[in-house]
Amino acid sequence: MSTIMRKPTHPGVVFLEDVMKPLELTVTETARMLGVSRKTLSEFINEKASLSPEMALRISKATNTSVESWMNMQQKLTLWNARQKEPDNVIVFPLKRLKEG
């Protein structure tokens, strides 16, 4: 299993840098166009909120990109964060019993 060493970029940062800034869109304009509150969008682009499936659908529709690409960014970040707090009290299941069952 390969481990990602560098923290993946938050999808909100990608959206801000690759969509909003090049189009010179404000948070207010973008929120209106996506049909979300200004606060919801602000929390997302400022990395205070994760990308929800609903927001991914809105972004994919507005940008004509795949919803999966946006969700994959979030999944990579979520897994990276989880690996930073990987539990050390897990006991591996005995393989012999799994094969017999």
PDB file of N, CA and C in Angstrom:
ATOM      1  N   MET A   1       0.849  -1.183   0.000  1.00  0.00           N
ATOM      2  CA  MET A   1       0.000   0.000   0.000  1.00  0.00           C
ATOM      3  C   MET A   1       0.890   1.240   0.000  1.00  0.00           C
ATOM      4  N   SER A   2       0.661   2.145  -0.930  1.00  0.00           N
ATOM      5  CA  SER A   2       1.454   3.370  -0.969  1.00  0.00           C
ATOM      6  C   SER A   2       0.796   4.435  -0.106  1.00  0.00           C
ATOM      7  N   THR A   3       1.625   5.149   0.623  1.00  0.00           N
ATOM      8  CA  THR A   3       1.133   6.190   1.500  1.00  0.00           C
ATOM      9  C   THR A   3       1.466   7.544   0.895  1.00  0.00           C
ATOM     10  N   ILE A   4       0.481   8.414   0.855  1.00  0.00           N
ATOM     11  CA  ILE A   4       0.699   9.769   0.357  1.00  0.00           C
ATOM     12  C   ILE A   4       1.385  10.551   1.471  1.00  0.00           C
ATOM     13  N   MET A   5       2.550  11.079   1.189  1.00  0.00           N
ATOM     14  CA  MET A   5       3.302  11.813   2.203  1.00  0.00           C
ATOM     15  C   MET A   5       2.799  13.257   2.338  1.00  0.00           C
ATOM     16  N   ARG A   6       2.534  13.901   1.223  1.00  0.00           N
ATOM     17  CA  ARG A   6       2.095  15.298   1.233  1.00  0.00           C
ATOM     18  C   ARG A   6       0.587  15.345   1.432  1.00  0.00           C
ATOM     19  N   LYS A   7       0.164  16.291   2.229  1.00  0.00           N
ATOM     20  CA  LYS A   7      -1.276  16.448   2.453  1.00  0.00           C
ATOM     21  C   LYS A   7      -1.954  16.854   1.145  1.00  0.00           C
ATOM     22  N   PRO A   8      -2.998  16.122   0.733  1.00  0.00           N
ATOM     23  CA  PRO A   8      -3.716  16.507  -0.491  1.00  0.00           C
ATOM     24  C   PRO A   8      -4.367  17.885  -0.343  1.00  0.00           C
ATOM     25  N   THR A   9      -4.487  18.580  -1.445  1.00  0.00           N
ATOM     26  CA  THR A   9      -5.101  19.906  -1.442  1.00  0.00           C
ATOM     27  C   THR A   9      -6.603  19.786  -1.210  1.00  0.00           C
ATOM     28  N   HIS A  10      -7.118  20.636  -0.354  1.00  0.00           N
ATOM     29  CA  HIS A  10      -8.554  20.674  -0.073  1.00  0.00           C
ATOM     30  C   HIS A  10      -9.288  21.063  -1.357  1.00  0.00           C
ATOM     31  N   PRO A  11     -10.406  20.387  -1.678  1.00  0.00           N
ATOM     32  CA  PRO A  11     -11.125  20.734  -2.905  1.00  0.00           C
ATOM     33  C   PRO A  11     -11.635  22.170  -2.925  1.00  0.00           C
ATOM     34  N   GLY A  12     -11.836  22.772  -1.768  1.00  0.00           N
ATOM     35  CA  GLY A  12     -12.252  24.172  -1.712  1.00  0.00           C
ATOM     36  C   GLY A  12     -11.172  25.106  -2.240  1.00  0.00           C
ATOM     37  N   VAL A  13      -9.915  24.773  -1.950  1.00  0.00           N
ATOM     38  CA  VAL A  13      -8.790  25.563  -2.449  1.00  0.00           C
ATOM     39  C   VAL A  13      -8.686  25.409  -3.963  1.00  0.00           C
ATOM     40  N   VAL A  14      -8.868  24.180  -4.447  1.00  0.00           N
ATOM     41  CA  VAL A  14      -8.844  23.932  -5.891  1.00  0.00           C
ATOM     42  C   VAL A  14      -9.946  24.740  -6.567  1.00  0.00           C
ATOM     43  N   PHE A  15     -11.145  24.719  -5.985  1.00  0.00           N
ATOM     44  CA  PHE A  15     -12.264  25.465  -6.556  1.00  0.00           C
ATOM     45  C   PHE A  15     -11.972  26.969  -6.579  1.00  0.00           C
ATOM     46  N   LEU A  16     -11.435  27.481  -5.484  1.00  0.00           N
ATOM     47  CA  LEU A  16     -11.106  28.903  -5.411  1.00  0.00           C
ATOM     48  C   LEU A  16     -10.041  29.287  -6.439  1.00  0.00           C
ATOM     49  N   GLU A  17      -8.936  28.536  -6.463  1.00  0.00           N
ATOM     50  CA  GLU A  17      -7.799  28.880  -7.315  1.00  0.00           C
ATOM     51  C   GLU A  17      -8.030  28.584  -8.803  1.00  0.00           C
ATOM     52  N   ASP A  18      -8.732  27.477  -9.095  1.00  0.00           N
ATOM     53  CA  ASP A  18      -8.875  27.048 -10.493  1.00  0.00           C
ATOM     54  C   ASP A  18     -10.177  27.481 -11.156  1.00  0.00           C
ATOM     55  N   VAL A  19     -11.153  27.902 -10.348  1.00  0.00           N
ATOM     56  CA  VAL A  19     -12.444  28.292 -10.920  1.00  0.00           C
ATOM     57  C   VAL A  19     -12.771  29.752 -10.600  1.00  0.00           C
ATOM     58  N   MET A  20     -12.885  30.054  -9.322  1.00  0.00           N
ATOM     59  CA  MET A  20     -13.334  31.391  -8.941  1.00  0.00           C
ATOM     60  C   MET A  20     -12.367  32.507  -9.354  1.00  0.00           C
ATOM     61  N   LYS A  21     -11.097  32.329  -9.028  1.00  0.00           N
ATOM     62  CA  LYS A  21     -10.122  33.391  -9.333  1.00  0.00           C
ATOM     63  C   LYS A  21      -9.973  33.634 -10.836  1.00  0.00           C
ATOM     64  N   PRO A  22      -9.788  32.589 -11.649  1.00  0.00           N
ATOM     65  CA  PRO A  22      -9.664  32.848 -13.095  1.00  0.00           C
ATOM     66  C   PRO A  22     -10.905  33.516 -13.693  1.00  0.00           C
ATOM     67  N   LEU A  23     -12.078  33.209 -13.140  1.00  0.00           N
ATOM     68  CA  LEU A  23     -13.322  33.814 -13.638  1.00  0.00           C
ATOM     69  C   LEU A  23     -13.638  35.141 -12.948  1.00  0.00           C
ATOM     70  N   GLU A  24     -12.776  35.527 -12.007  1.00  0.00           N
ATOM     71  CA  GLU A  24     -12.940  36.770 -11.243  1.00  0.00           C
ATOM     72  C   GLU A  24     -14.308  36.832 -10.560  1.00  0.00           C
ATOM     73  N   LEU A  25     -14.703  35.720  -9.955  1.00  0.00           N
ATOM     74  CA  LEU A  25     -15.985  35.639  -9.259  1.00  0.00           C
ATOM     75  C   LEU A  25     -15.799  35.888  -7.767  1.00  0.00           C
ATOM     76  N   THR A  26     -16.691  36.651  -7.193  1.00  0.00           N
ATOM     77  CA  THR A  26     -16.666  36.867  -5.748  1.00  0.00           C
ATOM     78  C   THR A  26     -17.367  35.696  -5.054  1.00  0.00           C
ATOM     79  N   VAL A  27     -17.199  35.635  -3.752  1.00  0.00           N
ATOM     80  CA  VAL A  27     -17.883  34.601  -2.975  1.00  0.00           C
ATOM     81  C   VAL A  27     -19.392  34.776  -3.105  1.00  0.00           C
ATOM     82  N   THR A  28     -19.851  36.001  -3.038  1.00  0.00           N
ATOM     83  CA  THR A  28     -21.285  36.282  -3.142  1.00  0.00           C
ATOM     84  C   THR A  28     -21.839  35.849  -4.491  1.00  0.00           C
ATOM     85  N   GLU A  29     -21.153  36.211  -5.572  1.00  0.00           N
ATOM     86  CA  GLU A  29     -21.597  35.821  -6.916  1.00  0.00           C
ATOM     87  C   GLU A  29     -21.596  34.305  -7.088  1.00  0.00           C
ATOM     88  N   THR A  30     -20.520  33.680  -6.641  1.00  0.00           N
ATOM     89  CA  THR A  30     -20.381  32.234  -6.807  1.00  0.00           C
ATOM     90  C   THR A  30     -21.434  31.487  -6.011  1.00  0.00           C
ATOM     91  N   ALA A  31     -21.655  31.930  -4.780  1.00  0.00           N
ATOM     92  CA  ALA A  31     -22.670  31.293  -3.938  1.00  0.00           C
ATOM     93  C   ALA A  31     -24.046  31.380  -4.596  1.00  0.00           C
ATOM     94  N   ARG A  32     -24.366  32.546  -5.140  1.00  0.00           N
ATOM     95  CA  ARG A  32     -25.650  32.724  -5.822  1.00  0.00           C
ATOM     96  C   ARG A  32     -25.757  31.789  -7.021  1.00  0.00           C
ATOM     97  N   MET A  33     -24.691  31.683  -7.784  1.00  0.00           N
ATOM     98  CA  MET A  33     -24.695  30.838  -8.976  1.00  0.00           C
ATOM     99  C   MET A  33     -24.807  29.354  -8.623  1.00  0.00           C
ATOM    100  N   LEU A  34     -24.232  28.962  -7.486  1.00  0.00           N
ATOM    101  CA  LEU A  34     -24.309  27.566  -7.050  1.00  0.00           C
ATOM    102  C   LEU A  34     -25.604  27.257  -6.300  1.00  0.00           C
ATOM    103  N   GLY A  35     -26.306  28.308  -5.876  1.00  0.00           N
ATOM    104  CA  GLY A  35     -27.538  28.101  -5.123  1.00  0.00           C
ATOM    105  C   GLY A  35     -27.303  27.717  -3.675  1.00  0.00           C
ATOM    106  N   VAL A  36     -26.203  28.243  -3.100  1.00  0.00           N
ATOM    107  CA  VAL A  36     -25.887  27.983  -1.694  1.00  0.00           C
ATOM    108  C   VAL A  36     -25.701  29.317  -0.978  1.00  0.00           C
ATOM    109  N   SER A  37     -25.627  29.264   0.336  1.00  0.00           N
ATOM    110  CA  SER A  37     -25.408  30.504   1.084  1.00  0.00           C
ATOM    111  C   SER A  37     -23.949  30.931   0.959  1.00  0.00           C
ATOM    112  N   ARG A  38     -23.744  32.215   1.154  1.00  0.00           N
ATOM    113  CA  ARG A  38     -22.385  32.767   1.124  1.00  0.00           C
ATOM    114  C   ARG A  38     -21.538  32.106   2.202  1.00  0.00           C
ATOM    115  N   LYS A  39     -22.136  31.893   3.372  1.00  0.00           N
ATOM    116  CA  LYS A  39     -21.431  31.269   4.495  1.00  0.00           C
ATOM    117  C   LYS A  39     -20.992  29.840   4.150  1.00  0.00           C
ATOM    118  N   THR A  40     -21.876  29.068   3.520  1.00  0.00           N
ATOM    119  CA  THR A  40     -21.546  27.689   3.132  1.00  0.00           C
ATOM    120  C   THR A  40     -20.352  27.671   2.186  1.00  0.00           C
ATOM    121  N   LEU A  41     -20.368  28.529   1.186  1.00  0.00           N
ATOM    122  CA  LEU A  41     -19.273  28.578   0.228  1.00  0.00           C
ATOM    123  C   LEU A  41     -17.988  29.065   0.890  1.00  0.00           C
ATOM    124  N   SER A  42     -18.089  30.079   1.719  1.00  0.00           N
ATOM    125  CA  SER A  42     -16.920  30.624   2.399  1.00  0.00           C
ATOM    126  C   SER A  42     -16.246  29.559   3.273  1.00  0.00           C
ATOM    127  N   GLU A  43     -17.037  28.804   4.012  1.00  0.00           N
ATOM    128  CA  GLU A  43     -16.471  27.751   4.861  1.00  0.00           C
ATOM    129  C   GLU A  43     -15.776  26.689   4.007  1.00  0.00           C
ATOM    130  N   PHE A  44     -16.334  26.389   2.853  1.00  0.00           N
ATOM    131  CA  PHE A  44     -15.745  25.392   1.956  1.00  0.00           C
ATOM    132  C   PHE A  44     -14.422  25.878   1.371  1.00  0.00           C
ATOM    133  N   ILE A  45     -14.384  27.078   0.811  1.00  0.00           N
ATOM    134  CA  ILE A  45     -13.153  27.548   0.169  1.00  0.00           C
ATOM    135  C   ILE A  45     -12.071  27.925   1.179  1.00  0.00           C
ATOM    136  N   ASN A  46     -12.461  28.132   2.440  1.00  0.00           N
ATOM    137  CA  ASN A  46     -11.494  28.443   3.496  1.00  0.00           C
ATOM    138  C   ASN A  46     -11.122  27.212   4.317  1.00  0.00           C
ATOM    139  N   GLU A  47     -11.452  26.028   3.803  1.00  0.00           N
ATOM    140  CA  GLU A  47     -11.083  24.740   4.389  1.00  0.00           C
ATOM    141  C   GLU A  47     -11.672  24.497   5.781  1.00  0.00           C
ATOM    142  N   LYS A  48     -12.778  25.153   6.076  1.00  0.00           N
ATOM    143  CA  LYS A  48     -13.445  24.935   7.358  1.00  0.00           C
ATOM    144  C   LYS A  48     -14.537  23.876   7.245  1.00  0.00           C
ATOM    145  N   ALA A  49     -14.898  23.520   6.019  1.00  0.00           N
ATOM    146  CA  ALA A  49     -15.919  22.497   5.774  1.00  0.00           C
ATOM    147  C   ALA A  49     -15.445  21.572   4.664  1.00  0.00           C
ATOM    148  N   SER A  50     -15.790  20.299   4.813  1.00  0.00           N
ATOM    149  CA  SER A  50     -15.489  19.312   3.776  1.00  0.00           C
ATOM    150  C   SER A  50     -16.454  19.477   2.616  1.00  0.00           C
ATOM    151  N   LEU A  51     -16.084  18.905   1.505  1.00  0.00           N
ATOM    152  CA  LEU A  51     -16.956  18.909   0.332  1.00  0.00           C
ATOM    153  C   LEU A  51     -18.055  17.871   0.534  1.00  0.00           C
ATOM    154  N   SER A  52     -19.289  18.314   0.505  1.00  0.00           N
ATOM    155  CA  SER A  52     -20.421  17.389   0.616  1.00  0.00           C
ATOM    156  C   SER A  52     -20.769  16.872  -0.778  1.00  0.00           C
ATOM    157  N   PRO A  53     -21.424  15.717  -0.848  1.00  0.00           N
ATOM    158  CA  PRO A  53     -21.872  15.240  -2.159  1.00  0.00           C
ATOM    159  C   PRO A  53     -22.778  16.247  -2.864  1.00  0.00           C
ATOM    160  N   GLU A  54     -23.607  16.949  -2.104  1.00  0.00           N
ATOM    161  CA  GLU A  54     -24.507  17.945  -2.689  1.00  0.00           C
ATOM    162  C   GLU A  54     -23.731  19.102  -3.312  1.00  0.00           C
ATOM    163  N   MET A  55     -22.704  19.580  -2.592  1.00  0.00           N
ATOM    164  CA  MET A  55     -21.884  20.670  -3.131  1.00  0.00           C
ATOM    165  C   MET A  55     -21.097  20.183  -4.336  1.00  0.00           C
ATOM    166  N   ALA A  56     -20.616  18.951  -4.294  1.00  0.00           N
ATOM    167  CA  ALA A  56     -19.890  18.385  -5.440  1.00  0.00           C
ATOM    168  C   ALA A  56     -20.786  18.349  -6.674  1.00  0.00           C
ATOM    169  N   LEU A  57     -22.047  17.985  -6.487  1.00  0.00           N
ATOM    170  CA  LEU A  57     -22.995  17.977  -7.610  1.00  0.00           C
ATOM    171  C   LEU A  57     -23.193  19.381  -8.169  1.00  0.00           C
ATOM    172  N   ARG A  58     -23.327  20.357  -7.294  1.00  0.00           N
ATOM    173  CA  ARG A  58     -23.520  21.738  -7.730  1.00  0.00           C
ATOM    174  C   ARG A  58     -22.302  22.245  -8.505  1.00  0.00           C
ATOM    175  N   ILE A  59     -21.112  21.968  -7.961  1.00  0.00           N
ATOM    176  CA  ILE A  59     -19.876  22.417  -8.620  1.00  0.00           C
ATOM    177  C   ILE A  59     -19.698  21.727  -9.964  1.00  0.00           C
ATOM    178  N   SER A  60     -19.955  20.425 -10.000  1.00  0.00           N
ATOM    179  CA  SER A  60     -19.773  19.701 -11.268  1.00  0.00           C
ATOM    180  C   SER A  60     -20.731  20.215 -12.333  1.00  0.00           C
ATOM    181  N   LYS A  61     -21.943  20.533 -11.913  1.00  0.00           N
ATOM    182  CA  LYS A  61     -22.931  21.057 -12.869  1.00  0.00           C
ATOM    183  C   LYS A  61     -22.522  22.453 -13.357  1.00  0.00           C
ATOM    184  N   ALA A  62     -22.053  23.297 -12.443  1.00  0.00           N
ATOM    185  CA  ALA A  62     -21.679  24.673 -12.794  1.00  0.00           C
ATOM    186  C   ALA A  62     -20.410  24.739 -13.637  1.00  0.00           C
ATOM    187  N   THR A  63     -19.512  23.766 -13.441  1.00  0.00           N
ATOM    188  CA  THR A  63     -18.223  23.802 -14.146  1.00  0.00           C
ATOM    189  C   THR A  63     -18.122  22.790 -15.278  1.00  0.00           C
ATOM    190  N   ASN A  64     -19.173  21.991 -15.455  1.00  0.00           N
ATOM    191  CA  ASN A  64     -19.179  20.945 -16.474  1.00  0.00           C
ATOM    192  C   ASN A  64     -18.000  19.978 -16.282  1.00  0.00           C
ATOM    193  N   THR A  65     -17.776  19.608 -15.013  1.00  0.00           N
ATOM    194  CA  THR A  65     -16.743  18.636 -14.663  1.00  0.00           C
ATOM    195  C   THR A  65     -17.431  17.467 -13.972  1.00  0.00           C
ATOM    196  N   SER A  66     -16.701  16.397 -13.734  1.00  0.00           N
ATOM    197  CA  SER A  66     -17.333  15.222 -13.128  1.00  0.00           C
ATOM    198  C   SER A  66     -17.439  15.375 -11.617  1.00  0.00           C
ATOM    199  N   VAL A  67     -18.563  14.952 -11.099  1.00  0.00           N
ATOM    200  CA  VAL A  67     -18.767  14.984  -9.652  1.00  0.00           C
ATOM    201  C   VAL A  67     -17.759  14.055  -8.977  1.00  0.00           C
ATOM    202  N   GLU A  68     -17.406  12.971  -9.656  1.00  0.00           N
ATOM    203  CA  GLU A  68     -16.448  12.016  -9.090  1.00  0.00           C
ATOM    204  C   GLU A  68     -15.076  12.651  -8.874  1.00  0.00           C
ATOM    205  N   SER A  69     -14.660  13.516  -9.792  1.00  0.00           N
ATOM    206  CA  SER A  69     -13.347  14.150  -9.639  1.00  0.00           C
ATOM    207  C   SER A  69     -13.304  15.011  -8.378  1.00  0.00           C
ATOM    208  N   TRP A  70     -14.396  15.705  -8.100  1.00  0.00           N
ATOM    209  CA  TRP A  70     -14.461  16.525  -6.892  1.00  0.00           C
ATOM    210  C   TRP A  70     -14.522  15.656  -5.635  1.00  0.00           C
ATOM    211  N   MET A  71     -15.321  14.603  -5.679  1.00  0.00           N
ATOM    212  CA  MET A  71     -15.432  13.719  -4.518  1.00  0.00           C
ATOM    213  C   MET A  71     -14.127  12.963  -4.268  1.00  0.00           C
ATOM    214  N   ASN A  72     -13.405  12.621  -5.341  1.00  0.00           N
ATOM    215  CA  ASN A  72     -12.114  11.946  -5.174  1.00  0.00           C
ATOM    216  C   ASN A  72     -11.120  12.832  -4.440  1.00  0.00           C
ATOM    217  N   MET A  73     -11.136  14.137  -4.742  1.00  0.00           N
ATOM    218  CA  MET A  73     -10.253  15.065  -4.022  1.00  0.00           C
ATOM    219  C   MET A  73     -10.557  15.034  -2.534  1.00  0.00           C
ATOM    220  N   GLN A  74     -11.850  15.081  -2.191  1.00  0.00           N
ATOM    221  CA  GLN A  74     -12.246  15.072  -0.791  1.00  0.00           C
ATOM    222  C   GLN A  74     -11.881  13.748  -0.135  1.00  0.00           C
ATOM    223  N   GLN A  75     -12.098  12.647  -0.840  1.00  0.00           N
ATOM    224  CA  GLN A  75     -11.788  11.337  -0.266  1.00  0.00           C
ATOM    225  C   GLN A  75     -10.296  11.201   0.036  1.00  0.00           C
ATOM    226  N   LYS A  76      -9.459  11.657  -0.868  1.00  0.00           N
ATOM    227  CA  LYS A  76      -8.011  11.595  -0.633  1.00  0.00           C
ATOM    228  C   LYS A  76      -7.625  12.401   0.598  1.00  0.00           C
ATOM    229  N   LEU A  77      -8.202  13.582   0.741  1.00  0.00           N
ATOM    230  CA  LEU A  77      -7.916  14.426   1.898  1.00  0.00           C
ATOM    231  C   LEU A  77      -8.437  13.791   3.184  1.00  0.00           C
ATOM    232  N   THR A  78      -9.652  13.265   3.139  1.00  0.00           N
ATOM    233  CA  THR A  78     -10.253  12.630   4.318  1.00  0.00           C
ATOM    234  C   THR A  78      -9.414  11.440   4.769  1.00  0.00           C
ATOM    235  N   LEU A  79      -8.983  10.607   3.837  1.00  0.00           N
ATOM    236  CA  LEU A  79      -8.149   9.451   4.189  1.00  0.00           C
ATOM    237  C   LEU A  79      -6.792   9.879   4.720  1.00  0.00           C
ATOM    238  N   TRP A  80      -6.203  10.905   4.129  1.00  0.00           N
ATOM    239  CA  TRP A  80      -4.912  11.402   4.603  1.00  0.00           C
ATOM    240  C   TRP A  80      -5.044  11.870   6.050  1.00  0.00           C
ATOM    241  N   ASN A  81      -6.115  12.629   6.324  1.00  0.00           N
ATOM    242  CA  ASN A  81      -6.340  13.106   7.694  1.00  0.00           C
ATOM    243  C   ASN A  81      -6.534  11.941   8.661  1.00  0.00           C
ATOM    244  N   ALA A  82      -7.281  10.928   8.251  1.00  0.00           N
ATOM    245  CA  ALA A  82      -7.509   9.759   9.105  1.00  0.00           C
ATOM    246  C   ALA A  82      -6.200   9.034   9.388  1.00  0.00           C
ATOM    247  N   ARG A  83      -5.342   8.946   8.384  1.00  0.00           N
ATOM    248  CA  ARG A  83      -4.062   8.245   8.575  1.00  0.00           C
ATOM    249  C   ARG A  83      -3.142   8.979   9.548  1.00  0.00           C
ATOM    250  N   GLN A  84      -3.367  10.268   9.731  1.00  0.00           N
ATOM    251  CA  GLN A  84      -2.545  11.015  10.686  1.00  0.00           C
ATOM    252  C   GLN A  84      -2.887  10.620  12.119  1.00  0.00           C
ATOM    253  N   LYS A  85      -4.072  10.035  12.304  1.00  0.00           N
ATOM    254  CA  LYS A  85      -4.530   9.614  13.638  1.00  0.00           C
ATOM    255  C   LYS A  85      -4.834   8.116  13.637  1.00  0.00           C
ATOM    256  N   GLU A  86      -4.050   7.373  12.863  1.00  0.00           N
ATOM    257  CA  GLU A  86      -4.296   5.938  12.718  1.00  0.00           C
ATOM    258  C   GLU A  86      -4.254   5.249  14.084  1.00  0.00           C
ATOM    259  N   PRO A  87      -5.266   4.441  14.394  1.00  0.00           N
ATOM    260  CA  PRO A  87      -5.307   3.790  15.709  1.00  0.00           C
ATOM    261  C   PRO A  87      -4.195   2.752  15.856  1.00  0.00           C
ATOM    262  N   ASP A  88      -3.678   2.655  17.076  1.00  0.00           N
ATOM    263  CA  ASP A  88      -2.616   1.676  17.321  1.00  0.00           C
ATOM    264  C   ASP A  88      -3.108   0.508  18.184  1.00  0.00           C
ATOM    265  N   ASN A  89      -4.411   0.472  18.444  1.00  0.00           N
ATOM    266  CA  ASN A  89      -4.953  -0.589  19.294  1.00  0.00           C
ATOM    267  C   ASN A  89      -5.775  -1.612  18.510  1.00  0.00           C
ATOM    268  N   VAL A  90      -5.564  -1.701  17.201  1.00  0.00           N
ATOM    269  CA  VAL A  90      -6.297  -2.646  16.362  1.00  0.00           C
ATOM    270  C   VAL A  90      -5.508  -3.950  16.293  1.00  0.00           C
ATOM    271  N   ILE A  91      -6.201  -5.044  16.492  1.00  0.00           N
ATOM    272  CA  ILE A  91      -5.584  -6.362  16.391  1.00  0.00           C
ATOM    273  C   ILE A  91      -6.016  -6.978  15.064  1.00  0.00           C
ATOM    274  N   VAL A  92      -5.049  -7.480  14.320  1.00  0.00           N
ATOM    275  CA  VAL A  92      -5.321  -8.077  13.017  1.00  0.00           C
ATOM    276  C   VAL A  92      -6.089  -9.379  13.209  1.00  0.00           C
ATOM    277  N   PHE A  93      -7.136  -9.589  12.429  1.00  0.00           N
ATOM    278  CA  PHE A  93      -7.916 -10.830  12.490  1.00  0.00           C
ATOM    279  C   PHE A  93      -7.043 -12.005  12.077  1.00  0.00           C
ATOM    280  N   PRO A  94      -7.205 -13.136  12.732  1.00  0.00           N
ATOM    281  CA  PRO A  94      -6.445 -14.318  12.307  1.00  0.00           C
ATOM    282  C   PRO A  94      -6.940 -14.800  10.947  1.00  0.00           C
ATOM    283  N   LEU A  95      -6.041 -14.869   9.977  1.00  0.00           N
ATOM    284  CA  LEU A  95      -6.416 -15.252   8.616  1.00  0.00           C
ATOM    285  C   LEU A  95      -6.956 -16.679   8.541  1.00  0.00           C
ATOM    286  N   LYS A  96      -6.427 -17.571   9.367  1.00  0.00           N
ATOM    287  CA  LYS A  96      -6.850 -18.960   9.326  1.00  0.00           C
ATOM    288  C   LYS A  96      -8.365 -19.069   9.549  1.00  0.00           C
ATOM    289  N   ARG A  97      -8.873 -18.365  10.547  1.00  0.00           N
ATOM    290  CA  ARG A  97     -10.309 -18.408  10.826  1.00  0.00           C
ATOM    291  C   ARG A  97     -11.135 -17.813   9.695  1.00  0.00           C
ATOM    292  N   LEU A  98     -10.624 -16.778   9.065  1.00  0.00           N
ATOM    293  CA  LEU A  98     -11.338 -16.165   7.940  1.00  0.00           C
ATOM    294  C   LEU A  98     -11.451 -17.141   6.780  1.00  0.00           C
ATOM    295  N   LYS A  99     -10.401 -17.889   6.498  1.00  0.00           N
ATOM    296  CA  LYS A  99     -10.397 -18.843   5.392  1.00  0.00           C
ATOM    297  C   LYS A  99     -11.316 -20.024   5.657  1.00  0.00           C
ATOM    298  N   GLU A 100     -11.409 -20.443   6.914  1.00  0.00           N
ATOM    299  CA  GLU A 100     -12.266 -21.585   7.274  1.00  0.00           C
ATOM    300  C   GLU A 100     -13.732 -21.230   7.220  1.00  0.00           C
ATOM    301  N   GLY A 101     -14.048 -19.993   7.609  1.00  0.00           N
ATOM    302  CA  GLY A 101     -15.436 -19.562   7.737  1.00  0.00           C
ATOM    303  C   GLY A 101     -16.097 -19.374   6.439  1.00  0.00           C
TER     304      GLY A 101
END
